[in-house]
Protein backbone atom coordinates (compact mmCIF):
# COMPACT_ATOMS: atom_id res chain seq x y z
CA UNK A 1 166.67 113.51 98.21
CA UNK A 2 165.59 109.89 100.29
CA UNK A 3 161.89 108.55 99.45
CA UNK A 4 159.37 107.04 101.58
CA UNK A 5 157.52 108.23 104.90
CA UNK A 6 159.88 109.68 107.33
CA UNK A 7 157.24 108.87 109.88
CA UNK A 8 159.43 107.22 112.67
CA UNK A 9 157.99 103.82 114.10
CA UNK A 10 157.58 104.59 117.90
CA UNK A 11 157.78 101.31 120.24
CA UNK A 12 156.03 100.99 123.37
CA UNK A 13 157.77 100.65 126.70
CA UNK A 14 158.54 96.87 127.46
CA UNK A 15 156.61 95.69 130.26
CA UNK A 16 158.88 94.48 133.69
CA UNK A 17 159.23 90.68 133.64
CA UNK A 18 156.53 88.80 135.84
CA UNK A 19 158.30 87.78 138.82
CA UNK A 20 158.38 84.27 139.30
CA UNK A 21 155.15 82.08 140.94
CA UNK A 22 155.39 82.00 144.53
CA UNK A 23 156.52 78.63 145.20
CA UNK A 24 156.99 77.00 148.92
CA UNK A 25 160.81 77.51 147.92
CA UNK A 26 161.20 80.86 147.01
CA UNK A 27 158.28 82.57 149.34
CA UNK A 28 158.74 84.61 152.17
CA UNK A 29 156.34 83.43 154.91
CA UNK A 30 156.84 87.13 156.55
CA UNK A 31 155.27 88.49 153.36
CA UNK A 32 152.80 85.88 152.98
CA UNK A 33 151.39 86.73 156.31
CA UNK A 34 151.30 90.39 156.15
CA UNK A 35 149.26 90.24 152.61
CA UNK A 36 146.56 87.28 154.45
CA UNK A 37 146.25 88.44 158.26
CA UNK A 38 147.38 92.01 158.73
CA UNK A 39 145.07 95.29 158.15
CA UNK A 40 147.36 97.97 159.38
CA UNK A 41 145.47 101.14 157.95
CA UNK A 42 142.27 99.92 159.24
CA UNK A 43 143.51 98.83 162.63
CA UNK A 44 144.91 102.20 163.07
CA UNK A 45 141.91 103.72 161.90
CA UNK A 46 140.00 102.13 164.06
CA UNK A 47 142.47 103.27 167.37
CA UNK A 48 143.58 106.42 167.01
CA UNK A 49 139.48 107.47 166.48
CA UNK A 50 138.27 105.32 169.15
CA UNK A 51 141.18 106.75 171.00
CA UNK A 52 139.65 110.61 170.38
CA UNK A 53 136.53 109.79 171.22
CA UNK A 54 137.16 107.80 174.46
CA UNK A 55 139.85 109.66 175.79
CA UNK A 56 139.22 113.44 174.51
CA UNK A 57 142.58 113.92 173.03
CA UNK A 58 144.68 112.51 170.16
CA UNK A 59 146.76 109.40 169.94
CA UNK A 60 150.28 110.40 170.76
CA UNK A 61 152.69 107.41 171.83
CA UNK A 62 151.63 104.00 171.24
CA UNK A 63 153.07 100.42 172.04
CA UNK A 64 152.32 97.23 170.27
CA UNK A 65 152.81 94.27 172.47
CA UNK A 66 153.60 91.05 170.18
CA UNK A 67 154.27 92.78 167.11
CA UNK A 68 156.23 90.61 164.91
CA UNK A 69 157.78 93.07 162.26
CA UNK A 70 155.68 96.02 163.44
CA UNK A 71 153.38 96.66 160.91
CA UNK A 72 150.96 98.37 162.80
CA UNK A 73 153.29 100.79 164.43
CA UNK A 74 155.31 101.77 161.41
CA UNK A 75 151.58 102.70 159.92
CA UNK A 76 150.82 104.48 163.20
CA UNK A 77 154.21 106.78 162.86
CA UNK A 78 153.53 107.35 158.93
CA UNK A 79 150.30 109.43 160.01
CA UNK A 80 151.62 112.36 162.02
CA UNK A 81 155.27 113.71 162.90
CA UNK A 82 154.72 113.78 166.68
CA UNK A 83 153.50 110.03 166.59
CA UNK A 84 155.61 107.71 167.70
CA UNK A 85 155.69 103.71 168.63
CA UNK A 86 157.27 100.60 170.65
CA UNK A 87 157.39 97.64 168.79
CA UNK A 88 157.57 94.43 171.28
CA UNK A 89 157.95 91.11 170.29
CA UNK A 90 160.69 87.76 171.42
CA UNK A 91 161.08 87.00 168.06
CA UNK A 92 164.67 87.78 166.61
CA UNK A 93 164.06 86.84 162.99
CA UNK A 94 160.50 88.83 162.98
CA UNK A 95 162.17 91.64 163.83
CA UNK A 96 165.15 91.27 162.18
CA UNK A 97 162.57 91.23 158.95
CA UNK A 98 161.13 94.17 160.09
CA UNK A 99 164.11 96.74 160.10
CA UNK A 100 164.28 95.46 156.72
CA UNK A 101 160.66 95.47 155.37
CA UNK A 102 159.22 97.68 157.68
CA UNK A 103 161.45 100.17 159.43
CA UNK A 104 163.59 100.40 155.96
CA UNK A 105 160.68 101.18 154.09
CA UNK A 106 159.30 104.46 156.14
CA UNK A 107 159.98 107.75 155.21
CA UNK A 108 163.40 109.00 156.77
CA UNK A 109 161.55 111.27 158.79
CA UNK A 110 159.45 108.69 160.14
CA UNK A 111 162.25 106.19 160.95
CA UNK A 112 163.74 107.59 164.28
CA UNK A 113 160.12 107.71 165.84
CA UNK A 114 159.59 103.99 165.73
CA UNK A 115 161.56 101.68 168.12
CA UNK A 116 161.39 97.84 167.57
CA UNK A 117 162.24 95.94 170.81
CA UNK A 118 163.45 92.29 171.37
CA UNK A 119 161.42 92.41 174.55
CA UNK A 120 159.12 90.20 176.84
CA UNK A 121 155.37 91.94 176.99
CA UNK A 122 155.94 91.46 180.91
CA UNK A 123 158.89 93.10 181.38
CA UNK A 124 158.40 96.21 178.60
CA UNK A 125 161.61 98.50 179.99
CA UNK A 126 161.46 102.15 179.07
CA UNK A 127 158.57 101.22 176.91
CA UNK A 128 156.14 102.89 179.38
CA UNK A 129 153.84 105.59 180.01
CA UNK A 130 152.04 105.21 176.79
CA UNK A 131 148.87 106.69 175.64
CA UNK A 132 147.94 102.95 174.34
CA UNK A 133 148.77 99.68 174.27
CA UNK A 134 147.59 97.61 170.82
CA UNK A 135 147.62 93.18 171.69
CA UNK A 136 146.26 91.99 168.48
CA UNK A 137 145.70 88.98 166.28
CA UNK A 138 144.44 87.24 169.54
CA UNK A 139 148.10 86.92 170.77
CA UNK A 140 147.85 87.75 174.22
CA UNK A 141 145.66 84.13 174.41
CA UNK A 142 149.51 82.64 174.93
CA UNK A 143 148.22 83.54 178.64
CA UNK A 144 146.51 80.41 178.90
CA UNK A 145 145.83 80.63 182.53
CA UNK A 146 144.00 82.93 184.62
CA UNK A 147 146.93 84.26 186.87
CA UNK A 148 149.38 84.33 183.93
CA UNK A 149 146.49 86.52 181.84
CA UNK A 150 145.79 88.47 184.76
CA UNK A 151 149.78 89.54 185.49
CA UNK A 152 149.78 90.44 181.60
CA UNK A 153 146.57 92.70 182.24
CA UNK A 154 148.18 94.36 185.31
CA UNK A 155 151.67 95.21 183.74
CA UNK A 156 149.68 96.66 180.45
CA UNK A 157 147.62 98.85 183.05
CA UNK A 158 151.07 99.58 184.76
CA UNK A 159 152.51 100.84 181.70
CA UNK A 160 150.02 102.90 180.39
CA UNK A 161 149.21 106.94 180.85
CA UNK A 162 146.55 108.01 183.53
CA UNK A 163 144.05 107.94 180.75
CA UNK A 164 145.58 105.53 178.69
CA UNK A 165 143.53 102.62 176.44
CA UNK A 166 144.65 98.81 176.13
CA UNK A 167 143.35 98.08 172.45
CA UNK A 168 142.84 93.57 172.09
CA UNK A 169 140.89 91.98 169.67
CA UNK A 170 138.96 88.50 170.28
CA UNK A 171 137.15 85.93 168.18
CA UNK A 172 134.25 83.35 169.38
CA UNK A 173 131.29 81.49 167.67
CA UNK A 174 130.46 77.99 168.21
CA UNK A 175 133.04 77.23 165.55
CA UNK A 176 136.28 78.44 167.41
CA UNK A 177 136.26 75.27 169.31
CA UNK A 178 135.92 72.92 165.85
CA UNK A 179 138.79 71.15 164.34
CA UNK A 180 138.41 72.63 160.40
CA UNK A 181 140.48 74.30 158.45
CA UNK A 182 139.36 77.47 156.33
CA UNK A 183 140.91 78.53 153.00
CA UNK A 184 141.33 81.99 151.22
CA UNK A 185 142.69 83.08 148.00
CA UNK A 186 145.00 86.16 148.39
CA UNK A 187 146.44 88.39 145.81
CA UNK A 188 149.93 88.79 146.37
CA UNK A 189 150.43 91.46 143.47
CA UNK A 190 151.43 91.54 139.80
CA UNK A 191 149.92 88.12 139.06
CA UNK A 192 150.93 86.59 141.79
CA UNK A 193 148.52 84.52 144.48
CA UNK A 194 148.43 81.95 146.80
CA UNK A 195 146.01 80.51 149.78
CA UNK A 196 146.20 81.53 152.96
CA UNK A 197 144.78 78.32 155.23
CA UNK A 198 144.02 79.06 159.03
CA UNK A 199 143.98 75.44 160.59
CA UNK A 200 142.45 74.92 163.81
CA UNK A 201 144.47 71.16 164.25
CA UNK A 202 143.46 70.57 167.76
CA UNK A 203 141.33 71.62 170.89
CA UNK A 204 140.88 70.41 174.23
CA UNK A 205 137.36 71.39 175.90
CA UNK A 206 138.76 70.57 178.96
CA UNK A 207 141.06 73.30 179.41
CA UNK A 208 139.92 75.41 176.03
CA UNK A 209 143.61 74.96 174.61
CA UNK A 210 143.86 75.06 171.07
CA UNK A 211 146.29 74.36 168.86
CA UNK A 212 146.65 76.51 165.47
CA UNK A 213 148.90 76.36 162.35
CA UNK A 214 149.10 78.53 159.48
CA UNK A 215 149.86 76.88 156.09
CA UNK A 216 150.56 78.70 152.80
CA UNK A 217 149.28 76.83 149.35
CA UNK A 218 150.48 78.06 145.80
CA UNK A 219 149.21 77.83 141.99
CA UNK A 220 151.84 74.98 141.52
CA UNK A 221 154.03 72.66 143.99
CA UNK A 222 154.04 71.60 147.45
CA UNK A 223 152.41 73.87 150.23
CA UNK A 224 154.59 75.32 153.18
CA UNK A 225 152.87 73.98 156.04
CA UNK A 226 153.04 75.09 159.35
CA UNK A 227 154.54 78.83 158.39
CA UNK A 228 153.40 79.58 161.71
CA UNK A 229 152.30 77.66 164.86
CA UNK A 230 150.39 78.73 167.67
CA UNK A 231 149.34 77.32 170.76
CA UNK A 232 146.47 79.13 172.80
CA UNK A 233 143.54 79.53 175.29
CA UNK A 234 140.30 80.40 173.50
CA UNK A 235 139.33 82.58 176.15
CA UNK A 236 135.22 84.12 176.45
CA UNK A 237 134.26 87.83 176.37
CA UNK A 238 133.13 87.80 179.97
CA UNK A 239 136.18 85.65 181.35
CA UNK A 240 138.52 88.44 179.79
CA UNK A 241 136.10 91.34 180.86
CA UNK A 242 136.21 90.17 184.52
CA UNK A 243 139.96 90.03 184.25
CA UNK A 244 140.43 93.39 183.13
CA UNK A 245 138.48 94.36 185.70
CA UNK A 246 140.69 92.54 188.57
CA UNK A 247 143.61 94.08 186.50
CA UNK A 248 141.90 97.35 187.54
CA UNK A 249 140.70 99.06 184.56
CA UNK A 250 137.66 101.08 184.81
CA UNK A 251 135.71 99.63 181.93
CA UNK A 252 136.11 97.80 179.35
CA UNK A 253 133.64 97.96 175.74
CA UNK A 254 132.95 95.20 173.04
CA UNK A 255 132.85 96.26 169.52
CA UNK A 256 131.59 93.95 167.31
CA UNK A 257 130.79 94.10 163.51
CA UNK A 258 127.55 94.85 161.70
CA UNK A 259 125.51 92.79 159.38
CA UNK A 260 125.78 93.65 155.54
CA UNK A 261 122.41 91.57 155.10
CA UNK A 262 124.08 89.20 152.83
CA UNK A 263 125.67 87.27 155.92
CA UNK A 264 128.73 88.71 156.14
CA UNK A 265 130.33 91.80 158.25
CA UNK A 266 129.91 95.29 157.17
CA UNK A 267 133.57 96.39 158.05
CA UNK A 268 131.99 98.46 160.97
CA UNK A 269 132.76 98.24 164.28
CA UNK A 270 130.66 99.42 167.50
CA UNK A 271 130.66 99.31 170.62
CA UNK A 272 127.67 96.73 171.83
CA UNK A 273 126.11 95.04 174.82
CA UNK A 274 124.43 91.94 173.36
CA UNK A 275 126.00 90.06 170.53
CA UNK A 276 124.32 87.15 168.18
CA UNK A 277 124.89 83.39 168.31
CA UNK A 278 126.94 83.43 165.02
CA UNK A 279 128.87 80.42 164.14
CA UNK A 280 132.24 82.83 163.94
CA UNK A 281 132.74 86.28 164.75
CA UNK A 282 135.97 88.45 165.53
CA UNK A 283 135.48 92.37 167.33
CA UNK A 284 137.47 94.37 169.60
CA UNK A 285 137.99 94.44 173.24
CA UNK A 286 138.97 97.74 174.55
CA UNK A 287 139.81 98.64 178.51
CA UNK A 288 140.25 102.22 179.37
CA UNK A 289 142.53 102.86 182.84
CA UNK A 290 140.50 105.79 183.76
């Protein structure tokens, strides 16, 4: 009979190979933007909770203006089989990416409840009668005159159900008009990382118009410059509330983040009637039709 140990050596399963380092050559700008800028889970938490508080009923039909790839709409339809969303954007490239990477990754039962539509938000077509409209990431600031922004707000007002609500975000503080760059290191998973660069490249105090850029930097190699470019007006909260009132909204509420006691935000946004003279702040501006 054979001699020696009959114990067999067990091999540990091999780890999947680490993906290549991110670089300007292989990085997907839309994927980097998703990692660095968007937080659809937190956004939809806020929107659904505040809609219920303000209207007394659950949010079921949502329109996301300036939607890009439709991340917030996708998060919304995943949460309840009764939820439906319309995501509007004029960028064919962003919507094509969204059909593959946002819509395509939804559960099969959720996919028919999300419509990715290449449309101008001023002519939304049949995406009307909705419970809520989202205009996030300061996208509506591309309307850089009072008549233009008032026209957009009136279009939204007409698109909403009788008790519908508009959700937007807003930023400000004395650094919002400053030419500057801000960098943050972002994890892309599986040991990969990159730096997100917010570049306030130019500001004209005569018009309050700003030119902003998003760049991405990597561990090695050249950066991906001007991955996204924006030209908009930096609107103040009083200006925006006056325009919302003129557009027919019954009331507008400003939600600002609380202080964590260490010079940062605590992640909790509450309606406030007075703010602090901070260098920079980001908040939500919510307008109710009823």
